[in-house]
PDB file of all heavy atoms in Angstrom:
ATOM      1  N   SER A   1     -37.506  15.658  -7.753  1.00  0.00           N
ATOM      2  CA  SER A   1     -37.273  14.738  -6.631  1.00  0.00           C
ATOM      3  C   SER A   1     -36.780  13.388  -7.131  1.00  0.00           C
ATOM      4  O   SER A   1     -35.891  12.779  -6.509  1.00  0.00           O
ATOM      5  CB  SER A   1     -38.546  14.583  -5.800  1.00  0.00           C
ATOM      6  OG  SER A   1     -39.560  13.949  -6.548  1.00  0.00           O
ATOM      7  N   GLN A   2     -37.310  12.899  -8.251  1.00  0.00           N
ATOM      8  CA  GLN A   2     -36.830  11.635  -8.812  1.00  0.00           C
ATOM      9  C   GLN A   2     -35.378  11.750  -9.266  1.00  0.00           C
ATOM     10  O   GLN A   2     -34.574  10.852  -9.036  1.00  0.00           O
ATOM     11  CB  GLN A   2     -37.711  11.199  -9.977  1.00  0.00           C
ATOM     12  CG  GLN A   2     -39.065  10.689  -9.559  1.00  0.00           C
ATOM     13  CD  GLN A   2     -39.937  10.329 -10.746  1.00  0.00           C
ATOM     14  OE1 GLN A   2     -39.646  10.670 -11.881  1.00  0.00           O
ATOM     15  NE2 GLN A   2     -41.033   9.628 -10.462  1.00  0.00           N
ATOM     16  N   TYR A   3     -35.027  12.867  -9.891  1.00  0.00           N
ATOM     17  CA  TYR A   3     -33.655  13.088 -10.332  1.00  0.00           C
ATOM     18  C   TYR A   3     -32.716  13.147  -9.133  1.00  0.00           C
ATOM     19  O   TYR A   3     -31.637  12.534  -9.142  1.00  0.00           O
ATOM     20  CB  TYR A   3     -33.557  14.383 -11.144  1.00  0.00           C
ATOM     21  CG  TYR A   3     -32.156  14.747 -11.527  1.00  0.00           C
ATOM     22  CD1 TYR A   3     -31.508  14.061 -12.546  1.00  0.00           C
ATOM     23  CD2 TYR A   3     -31.476  15.757 -10.867  1.00  0.00           C
ATOM     24  CE1 TYR A   3     -30.213  14.374 -12.902  1.00  0.00           C
ATOM     25  CE2 TYR A   3     -30.185  16.083 -11.210  1.00  0.00           C
ATOM     26  CZ  TYR A   3     -29.551  15.390 -12.230  1.00  0.00           C
ATOM     27  OH  TYR A   3     -28.272  15.706 -12.570  1.00  0.00           O
ATOM     28  N   SER A   4     -33.126  13.862  -8.089  1.00  0.00           N
ATOM     29  CA  SER A   4     -32.295  13.962  -6.889  1.00  0.00           C
ATOM     30  C   SER A   4     -32.110  12.603  -6.244  1.00  0.00           C
ATOM     31  O   SER A   4     -31.006  12.250  -5.817  1.00  0.00           O
ATOM     32  CB  SER A   4     -32.931  14.924  -5.884  1.00  0.00           C
ATOM     33  OG  SER A   4     -33.015  16.211  -6.426  1.00  0.00           O
ATOM     34  N   LEU A   5     -33.172  11.822  -6.169  1.00  0.00           N
ATOM     35  CA  LEU A   5     -33.088  10.489  -5.588  1.00  0.00           C
ATOM     36  C   LEU A   5     -32.153   9.602  -6.403  1.00  0.00           C
ATOM     37  O   LEU A   5     -31.318   8.874  -5.840  1.00  0.00           O
ATOM     38  CB  LEU A   5     -34.481   9.859  -5.509  1.00  0.00           C
ATOM     39  CG  LEU A   5     -34.577   8.471  -4.874  1.00  0.00           C
ATOM     40  CD1 LEU A   5     -34.132   8.525  -3.425  1.00  0.00           C
ATOM     41  CD2 LEU A   5     -35.985   7.936  -4.993  1.00  0.00           C
ATOM     42  N   PHE A   6     -32.247   9.670  -7.723  1.00  0.00           N
ATOM     43  CA  PHE A   6     -31.376   8.883  -8.600  1.00  0.00           C
ATOM     44  C   PHE A   6     -29.910   9.272  -8.393  1.00  0.00           C
ATOM     45  O   PHE A   6     -29.037   8.401  -8.313  1.00  0.00           O
ATOM     46  CB  PHE A   6     -31.782   9.082 -10.066  1.00  0.00           C
ATOM     47  CG  PHE A   6     -30.871   8.414 -11.036  1.00  0.00           C
ATOM     48  CD1 PHE A   6     -30.876   7.033 -11.196  1.00  0.00           C
ATOM     49  CD2 PHE A   6     -29.976   9.165 -11.794  1.00  0.00           C
ATOM     50  CE1 PHE A   6     -30.029   6.417 -12.098  1.00  0.00           C
ATOM     51  CE2 PHE A   6     -29.114   8.556 -12.686  1.00  0.00           C
ATOM     52  CZ  PHE A   6     -29.137   7.176 -12.837  1.00  0.00           C
ATOM     53  N   GLU A   7     -29.644  10.575  -8.311  1.00  0.00           N
ATOM     54  CA  GLU A   7     -28.267  11.045  -8.116  1.00  0.00           C
ATOM     55  C   GLU A   7     -27.722  10.582  -6.766  1.00  0.00           C
ATOM     56  O   GLU A   7     -26.562  10.179  -6.665  1.00  0.00           O
ATOM     57  CB  GLU A   7     -28.197  12.570  -8.224  1.00  0.00           C
ATOM     58  CG  GLU A   7     -28.361  13.090  -9.623  1.00  0.00           C
ATOM     59  CD  GLU A   7     -27.241  12.649 -10.546  1.00  0.00           C
ATOM     60  OE1 GLU A   7     -26.067  12.690 -10.155  1.00  0.00           O
ATOM     61  OE2 GLU A   7     -27.558  12.241 -11.678  1.00  0.00           O
ATOM     62  N   ILE A   8     -28.547  10.629  -5.740  1.00  0.00           N
ATOM     63  CA  ILE A   8     -28.104  10.173  -4.417  1.00  0.00           C
ATOM     64  C   ILE A   8     -27.821   8.682  -4.438  1.00  0.00           C
ATOM     65  O   ILE A   8     -26.809   8.217  -3.889  1.00  0.00           O
ATOM     66  CB  ILE A   8     -29.150  10.539  -3.344  1.00  0.00           C
ATOM     67  CG1 ILE A   8     -29.167  12.049  -3.127  1.00  0.00           C
ATOM     68  CG2 ILE A   8     -28.874   9.822  -2.037  1.00  0.00           C
ATOM     69  CD1 ILE A   8     -30.289  12.539  -2.252  1.00  0.00           C
ATOM     70  N   GLN A   9     -28.683   7.902  -5.074  1.00  0.00           N
ATOM     71  CA  GLN A   9     -28.463   6.453  -5.161  1.00  0.00           C
ATOM     72  C   GLN A   9     -27.187   6.155  -5.943  1.00  0.00           C
ATOM     73  O   GLN A   9     -26.425   5.257  -5.568  1.00  0.00           O
ATOM     74  CB  GLN A   9     -29.656   5.771  -5.827  1.00  0.00           C
ATOM     75  CG  GLN A   9     -30.881   5.691  -4.953  1.00  0.00           C
ATOM     76  CD  GLN A   9     -32.082   5.115  -5.685  1.00  0.00           C
ATOM     77  OE1 GLN A   9     -32.118   5.080  -6.913  1.00  0.00           O
ATOM     78  NE2 GLN A   9     -33.078   4.695  -4.916  1.00  0.00           N
ATOM     79  N   LYS A  10     -26.957   6.890  -7.011  1.00  0.00           N
ATOM     80  CA  LYS A  10     -25.750   6.695  -7.799  1.00  0.00           C
ATOM     81  C   LYS A  10     -24.502   7.018  -6.975  1.00  0.00           C
ATOM     82  O   LYS A  10     -23.508   6.293  -7.013  1.00  0.00           O
ATOM     83  CB  LYS A  10     -25.812   7.579  -9.053  1.00  0.00           C
ATOM     84  CG  LYS A  10     -24.752   7.262 -10.090  1.00  0.00           C
ATOM     85  CD  LYS A  10     -25.037   7.949 -11.412  1.00  0.00           C
ATOM     86  CE  LYS A  10     -24.447   9.320 -11.420  1.00  0.00           C
ATOM     87  NZ  LYS A  10     -24.550   9.994 -12.710  1.00  0.00           N
ATOM     88  N   GLU A  11     -24.556   8.085  -6.219  1.00  0.00           N
ATOM     89  CA  GLU A  11     -23.421   8.473  -5.385  1.00  0.00           C
ATOM     90  C   GLU A  11     -23.163   7.443  -4.290  1.00  0.00           C
ATOM     91  O   GLU A  11     -22.017   7.061  -4.040  1.00  0.00           O
ATOM     92  CB  GLU A  11     -23.695   9.845  -4.761  1.00  0.00           C
ATOM     93  CG  GLU A  11     -22.540  10.410  -3.979  1.00  0.00           C
ATOM     94  CD  GLU A  11     -22.848  11.786  -3.441  1.00  0.00           C
ATOM     95  OE1 GLU A  11     -23.486  12.580  -4.150  1.00  0.00           O
ATOM     96  OE2 GLU A  11     -22.439  12.064  -2.304  1.00  0.00           O
ATOM     97  N   VAL A  12     -24.228   6.988  -3.654  1.00  0.00           N
ATOM     98  CA  VAL A  12     -24.082   5.973  -2.601  1.00  0.00           C
ATOM     99  C   VAL A  12     -23.530   4.687  -3.199  1.00  0.00           C
ATOM    100  O   VAL A  12     -22.661   4.041  -2.611  1.00  0.00           O
ATOM    101  CB  VAL A  12     -25.442   5.728  -1.895  1.00  0.00           C
ATOM    102  CG1 VAL A  12     -25.414   4.483  -1.046  1.00  0.00           C
ATOM    103  CG2 VAL A  12     -25.818   6.940  -1.065  1.00  0.00           C
ATOM    104  N   SER A  13     -23.999   4.313  -4.362  1.00  0.00           N
ATOM    105  CA  SER A  13     -23.527   3.098  -5.025  1.00  0.00           C
ATOM    106  C   SER A  13     -22.045   3.208  -5.361  1.00  0.00           C
ATOM    107  O   SER A  13     -21.278   2.262  -5.142  1.00  0.00           O
ATOM    108  CB  SER A  13     -24.337   2.849  -6.295  1.00  0.00           C
ATOM    109  OG  SER A  13     -23.838   1.751  -6.990  1.00  0.00           O
ATOM    110  N   SER A  14     -21.615   4.351  -5.885  1.00  0.00           N
ATOM    111  CA  SER A  14     -20.200   4.513  -6.233  1.00  0.00           C
ATOM    112  C   SER A  14     -19.340   4.514  -4.980  1.00  0.00           C
ATOM    113  O   SER A  14     -18.235   3.972  -4.973  1.00  0.00           O
ATOM    114  CB  SER A  14     -19.976   5.780  -7.043  1.00  0.00           C
ATOM    115  OG  SER A  14     -20.231   6.921  -6.261  1.00  0.00           O
ATOM    116  N   GLU A  15     -19.811   5.115  -3.899  1.00  0.00           N
ATOM    117  CA  GLU A  15     -19.067   5.088  -2.640  1.00  0.00           C
ATOM    118  C   GLU A  15     -18.994   3.670  -2.100  1.00  0.00           C
ATOM    119  O   GLU A  15     -17.967   3.245  -1.565  1.00  0.00           O
ATOM    120  CB  GLU A  15     -19.705   6.023  -1.619  1.00  0.00           C
ATOM    121  CG  GLU A  15     -19.500   7.481  -1.919  1.00  0.00           C
ATOM    122  CD  GLU A  15     -20.199   8.389  -0.929  1.00  0.00           C
ATOM    123  OE1 GLU A  15     -20.736   7.882   0.075  1.00  0.00           O
ATOM    124  OE2 GLU A  15     -20.220   9.607  -1.172  1.00  0.00           O
ATOM    125  N   SER A  16     -20.061   2.911  -2.250  1.00  0.00           N
ATOM    126  CA  SER A  16     -20.093   1.530  -1.781  1.00  0.00           C
ATOM    127  C   SER A  16     -19.068   0.687  -2.529  1.00  0.00           C
ATOM    128  O   SER A  16     -18.337  -0.095  -1.934  1.00  0.00           O
ATOM    129  CB  SER A  16     -21.492   0.949  -1.951  1.00  0.00           C
ATOM    130  OG  SER A  16     -21.512  -0.409  -1.610  1.00  0.00           O
ATOM    131  N   ILE A  17     -18.992   0.866  -3.845  1.00  0.00           N
ATOM    132  CA  ILE A  17     -18.011   0.123  -4.653  1.00  0.00           C
ATOM    133  C   ILE A  17     -16.602   0.539  -4.251  1.00  0.00           C
ATOM    134  O   ILE A  17     -15.707  -0.298  -4.125  1.00  0.00           O
ATOM    135  CB  ILE A  17     -18.259   0.365  -6.159  1.00  0.00           C
ATOM    136  CG1 ILE A  17     -19.572  -0.295  -6.573  1.00  0.00           C
ATOM    137  CG2 ILE A  17     -17.111  -0.159  -7.000  1.00  0.00           C
ATOM    138  CD1 ILE A  17     -20.016   0.061  -7.990  1.00  0.00           C
ATOM    139  N   TYR A  18     -16.387   1.815  -3.996  1.00  0.00           N
ATOM    140  CA  TYR A  18     -15.077   2.309  -3.582  1.00  0.00           C
ATOM    141  C   TYR A  18     -14.660   1.651  -2.277  1.00  0.00           C
ATOM    142  O   TYR A  18     -13.526   1.202  -2.124  1.00  0.00           O
ATOM    143  CB  TYR A  18     -15.117   3.831  -3.444  1.00  0.00           C
ATOM    144  CG  TYR A  18     -13.877   4.413  -2.821  1.00  0.00           C
ATOM    145  CD1 TYR A  18     -12.702   4.519  -3.561  1.00  0.00           C
ATOM    146  CD2 TYR A  18     -13.865   4.837  -1.499  1.00  0.00           C
ATOM    147  CE1 TYR A  18     -11.557   5.041  -2.998  1.00  0.00           C
ATOM    148  CE2 TYR A  18     -12.727   5.355  -0.930  1.00  0.00           C
ATOM    149  CZ  TYR A  18     -11.567   5.459  -1.678  1.00  0.00           C
ATOM    150  OH  TYR A  18     -10.432   5.977  -1.116  1.00  0.00           O
ATOM    151  N   TYR A  19     -15.583   1.589  -1.305  1.00  0.00           N
ATOM    152  CA  TYR A  19     -15.255   0.971  -0.024  1.00  0.00           C
ATOM    153  C   TYR A  19     -15.004  -0.524  -0.174  1.00  0.00           C
ATOM    154  O   TYR A  19     -14.140  -1.082   0.505  1.00  0.00           O
ATOM    155  CB  TYR A  19     -16.362   1.236   1.003  1.00  0.00           C
ATOM    156  CG  TYR A  19     -16.390   2.679   1.476  1.00  0.00           C
ATOM    157  CD1 TYR A  19     -17.531   3.438   1.388  1.00  0.00           C
ATOM    158  CD2 TYR A  19     -15.256   3.271   2.004  1.00  0.00           C
ATOM    159  CE1 TYR A  19     -17.560   4.758   1.812  1.00  0.00           C
ATOM    160  CE2 TYR A  19     -15.263   4.584   2.428  1.00  0.00           C
ATOM    161  CZ  TYR A  19     -16.423   5.326   2.332  1.00  0.00           C
ATOM    162  OH  TYR A  19     -16.432   6.620   2.757  1.00  0.00           O
ATOM    163  N   ASP A  20     -15.749  -1.170  -1.061  1.00  0.00           N
ATOM    164  CA  ASP A  20     -15.508  -2.606  -1.304  1.00  0.00           C
ATOM    165  C   ASP A  20     -14.124  -2.829  -1.891  1.00  0.00           C
ATOM    166  O   ASP A  20     -13.402  -3.745  -1.480  1.00  0.00           O
ATOM    167  CB  ASP A  20     -16.578  -3.176  -2.245  1.00  0.00           C
ATOM    168  CG  ASP A  20     -17.946  -3.284  -1.579  1.00  0.00           C
ATOM    169  OD1 ASP A  20     -18.011  -3.181  -0.330  1.00  0.00           O
ATOM    170  OD2 ASP A  20     -18.943  -3.460  -2.310  1.00  0.00           O
ATOM    171  N   ILE A  21     -13.742  -2.013  -2.860  1.00  0.00           N
ATOM    172  CA  ILE A  21     -12.419  -2.142  -3.490  1.00  0.00           C
ATOM    173  C   ILE A  21     -11.331  -1.821  -2.481  1.00  0.00           C
ATOM    174  O   ILE A  21     -10.308  -2.517  -2.397  1.00  0.00           O
ATOM    175  CB  ILE A  21     -12.322  -1.219  -4.729  1.00  0.00           C
ATOM    176  CG1 ILE A  21     -13.234  -1.744  -5.836  1.00  0.00           C
ATOM    177  CG2 ILE A  21     -10.882  -1.116  -5.216  1.00  0.00           C
ATOM    178  CD1 ILE A  21     -13.345  -0.814  -7.027  1.00  0.00           C
ATOM    179  N   THR A  22     -11.530  -0.809  -1.680  1.00  0.00           N
ATOM    180  CA  THR A  22     -10.545  -0.438  -0.654  1.00  0.00           C
ATOM    181  C   THR A  22     -10.384  -1.558   0.363  1.00  0.00           C
ATOM    182  O   THR A  22      -9.252  -1.896   0.757  1.00  0.00           O
ATOM    183  CB  THR A  22     -10.979   0.860   0.048  1.00  0.00           C
ATOM    184  OG1 THR A  22     -11.196   1.867  -0.927  1.00  0.00           O
ATOM    185  CG2 THR A  22      -9.933   1.330   1.026  1.00  0.00           C
ATOM    186  N   ALA A  23     -11.475  -2.163   0.774  1.00  0.00           N
ATOM    187  CA  ALA A  23     -11.405  -3.263   1.738  1.00  0.00           C
ATOM    188  C   ALA A  23     -10.692  -4.468   1.119  1.00  0.00           C
ATOM    189  O   ALA A  23      -9.873  -5.140   1.787  1.00  0.00           O
ATOM    190  CB  ALA A  23     -12.805  -3.654   2.197  1.00  0.00           C
ATOM    191  N   LEU A  24     -10.973  -4.762  -0.144  1.00  0.00           N
ATOM    192  CA  LEU A  24     -10.316  -5.888  -0.826  1.00  0.00           C
ATOM    193  C   LEU A  24      -8.820  -5.633  -0.966  1.00  0.00           C
ATOM    194  O   LEU A  24      -8.006  -6.546  -0.738  1.00  0.00           O
ATOM    195  CB  LEU A  24     -10.963  -6.097  -2.200  1.00  0.00           C
ATOM    196  CG  LEU A  24     -10.509  -7.315  -2.999  1.00  0.00           C
ATOM    197  CD1 LEU A  24     -10.789  -8.606  -2.241  1.00  0.00           C
ATOM    198  CD2 LEU A  24     -11.202  -7.334  -4.348  1.00  0.00           C
ATOM    199  N   GLU A  25      -8.434  -4.421  -1.331  1.00  0.00           N
ATOM    200  CA  GLU A  25      -7.015  -4.077  -1.446  1.00  0.00           C
ATOM    201  C   GLU A  25      -6.321  -4.201  -0.095  1.00  0.00           C
ATOM    202  O   GLU A  25      -5.186  -4.683  -0.010  1.00  0.00           O
ATOM    203  CB  GLU A  25      -6.842  -2.661  -2.001  1.00  0.00           C
ATOM    204  CG  GLU A  25      -7.120  -2.544  -3.478  1.00  0.00           C
ATOM    205  CD  GLU A  25      -7.021  -1.107  -3.975  1.00  0.00           C
ATOM    206  OE1 GLU A  25      -6.982  -0.156  -3.143  1.00  0.00           O
ATOM    207  OE2 GLU A  25      -6.986  -0.923  -5.205  1.00  0.00           O
ATOM    208  N   ALA A  26      -6.983  -3.740   0.984  1.00  0.00           N
ATOM    209  CA  ALA A  26      -6.388  -3.832   2.321  1.00  0.00           C
ATOM    210  C   ALA A  26      -6.195  -5.287   2.719  1.00  0.00           C
ATOM    211  O   ALA A  26      -5.166  -5.660   3.300  1.00  0.00           O
ATOM    212  CB  ALA A  26      -7.264  -3.104   3.336  1.00  0.00           C
ATOM    213  N   GLU A  27      -7.166  -6.138   2.389  1.00  0.00           N
ATOM    214  CA  GLU A  27      -7.068  -7.568   2.710  1.00  0.00           C
ATOM    215  C   GLU A  27      -5.909  -8.216   1.949  1.00  0.00           C
ATOM    216  O   GLU A  27      -5.125  -8.996   2.510  1.00  0.00           O
ATOM    217  CB  GLU A  27      -8.379  -8.265   2.370  1.00  0.00           C
ATOM    218  CG  GLU A  27      -8.424  -9.730   2.747  1.00  0.00           C
ATOM    219  CD  GLU A  27      -9.744 -10.367   2.332  1.00  0.00           C
ATOM    220  OE1 GLU A  27     -10.775  -9.691   2.425  1.00  0.00           O
ATOM    221  OE2 GLU A  27      -9.699 -11.535   1.920  1.00  0.00           O
ATOM    222  N   GLN A  28      -5.781  -7.865   0.659  1.00  0.00           N
ATOM    223  CA  GLN A  28      -4.697  -8.428  -0.147  1.00  0.00           C
ATOM    224  C   GLN A  28      -3.334  -7.912   0.337  1.00  0.00           C
ATOM    225  O   GLN A  28      -2.350  -8.662   0.362  1.00  0.00           O
ATOM    226  CB  GLN A  28      -4.901  -8.080  -1.627  1.00  0.00           C
ATOM    227  CG  GLN A  28      -6.041  -8.836  -2.257  1.00  0.00           C
ATOM    228  CD  GLN A  28      -6.314  -8.390  -3.691  1.00  0.00           C
ATOM    229  OE1 GLN A  28      -5.734  -7.416  -4.167  1.00  0.00           O
ATOM    230  NE2 GLN A  28      -7.194  -9.108  -4.359  1.00  0.00           N
ATOM    231  N   GLU A  29      -3.298  -6.623   0.714  1.00  0.00           N
ATOM    232  CA  GLU A  29      -2.047  -6.050   1.236  1.00  0.00           C
ATOM    233  C   GLU A  29      -1.649  -6.765   2.520  1.00  0.00           C
ATOM    234  O   GLU A  29      -0.465  -7.044   2.740  1.00  0.00           O
ATOM    235  CB  GLU A  29      -2.251  -4.546   1.485  1.00  0.00           C
ATOM    236  CG  GLU A  29      -1.012  -3.812   1.878  1.00  0.00           C
ATOM    237  CD  GLU A  29      -0.025  -3.653   0.737  1.00  0.00           C
ATOM    238  OE1 GLU A  29      -0.430  -3.597  -0.438  1.00  0.00           O
ATOM    239  OE2 GLU A  29       1.180  -3.588   1.028  1.00  0.00           O
ATOM    240  N   GLU A  30      -2.620  -7.072   3.354  1.00  0.00           N
ATOM    241  CA  GLU A  30      -2.335  -7.795   4.603  1.00  0.00           C
ATOM    242  C   GLU A  30      -1.810  -9.194   4.324  1.00  0.00           C
ATOM    243  O   GLU A  30      -0.866  -9.656   4.981  1.00  0.00           O
ATOM    244  CB  GLU A  30      -3.602  -7.869   5.465  1.00  0.00           C
ATOM    245  CG  GLU A  30      -3.379  -8.547   6.805  1.00  0.00           C
ATOM    246  CD  GLU A  30      -4.654  -8.660   7.613  1.00  0.00           C
ATOM    247  OE1 GLU A  30      -5.538  -7.804   7.445  1.00  0.00           O
ATOM    248  OE2 GLU A  30      -4.753  -9.623   8.387  1.00  0.00           O
ATOM    249  N   GLN A  31      -2.390  -9.857   3.329  1.00  0.00           N
ATOM    250  CA  GLN A  31      -1.916 -11.204   2.984  1.00  0.00           C
ATOM    251  C   GLN A  31      -0.481 -11.167   2.437  1.00  0.00           C
ATOM    252  O   GLN A  31       0.314 -12.058   2.700  1.00  0.00           O
ATOM    253  CB  GLN A  31      -2.842 -11.861   1.957  1.00  0.00           C
ATOM    254  CG  GLN A  31      -4.145 -12.342   2.535  1.00  0.00           C
ATOM    255  CD  GLN A  31      -5.036 -12.995   1.481  1.00  0.00           C
ATOM    256  OE1 GLN A  31      -4.725 -12.968   0.290  1.00  0.00           O
ATOM    257  NE2 GLN A  31      -6.132 -13.572   1.930  1.00  0.00           N
ATOM    258  N   LEU A  32      -0.180 -10.135   1.670  1.00  0.00           N
ATOM    259  CA  LEU A  32       1.163 -10.036   1.100  1.00  0.00           C
ATOM    260  C   LEU A  32       2.217  -9.690   2.152  1.00  0.00           C
ATOM    261  O   LEU A  32       3.390 -10.018   1.993  1.00  0.00           O
ATOM    262  CB  LEU A  32       1.203  -8.981  -0.011  1.00  0.00           C
ATOM    263  CG  LEU A  32       0.540  -9.364  -1.327  1.00  0.00           C
ATOM    264  CD1 LEU A  32       0.553  -8.175  -2.281  1.00  0.00           C
ATOM    265  CD2 LEU A  32       1.242 -10.542  -1.961  1.00  0.00           C
ATOM    266  N   ASN A  33       1.810  -9.027   3.223  1.00  0.00           N
ATOM    267  CA  ASN A  33       2.777  -8.562   4.214  1.00  0.00           C
ATOM    268  C   ASN A  33       2.662  -9.270   5.557  1.00  0.00           C
ATOM    269  O   ASN A  33       3.127  -8.746   6.573  1.00  0.00           O
ATOM    270  CB  ASN A  33       2.640  -7.054   4.417  1.00  0.00           C
ATOM    271  CG  ASN A  33       2.999  -6.270   3.178  1.00  0.00           C
ATOM    272  OD1 ASN A  33       3.935  -6.638   2.481  1.00  0.00           O
ATOM    273  ND2 ASN A  33       2.244  -5.224   2.889  1.00  0.00           N
ATOM    274  N   SER A  34       2.088 -10.447   5.621  1.00  0.00           N
ATOM    275  CA  SER A  34       1.958 -11.141   6.908  1.00  0.00           C
ATOM    276  C   SER A  34       2.303 -12.624   6.751  1.00  0.00           C
ATOM    277  O   SER A  34       2.350 -13.163   5.657  1.00  0.00           O
ATOM    278  CB  SER A  34       0.530 -10.985   7.444  1.00  0.00           C
ATOM    279  OG  SER A  34      -0.379 -11.665   6.619  1.00  0.00           O
ATOM    280  N   TYR A  35       2.567 -13.235   7.901  1.00  0.00           N
ATOM    281  CA  TYR A  35       2.841 -14.678   7.951  1.00  0.00           C
ATOM    282  C   TYR A  35       1.525 -15.396   8.180  1.00  0.00           C
ATOM    283  O   TYR A  35       0.634 -14.879   8.850  1.00  0.00           O
ATOM    284  CB  TYR A  35       3.802 -15.007   9.096  1.00  0.00           C
ATOM    285  CG  TYR A  35       5.191 -14.447   8.897  1.00  0.00           C
ATOM    286  CD1 TYR A  35       5.559 -13.236   9.469  1.00  0.00           C
ATOM    287  CD2 TYR A  35       6.112 -15.160   8.139  1.00  0.00           C
ATOM    288  CE1 TYR A  35       6.824 -12.737   9.281  1.00  0.00           C
ATOM    289  CE2 TYR A  35       7.396 -14.648   7.958  1.00  0.00           C
ATOM    290  CZ  TYR A  35       7.744 -13.445   8.529  1.00  0.00           C
ATOM    291  OH  TYR A  35       9.007 -12.948   8.353  1.00  0.00           O
TER     292      TYR A  35
END
């Protein structure tokens, strides 16, 4: 159960970082393509 919990936390953390990077890229793309 501890191993499963650790793996789930690791997966959620990596997904969270992915969404943060995706949101930052989208924001920068918007700045580059807007007035």
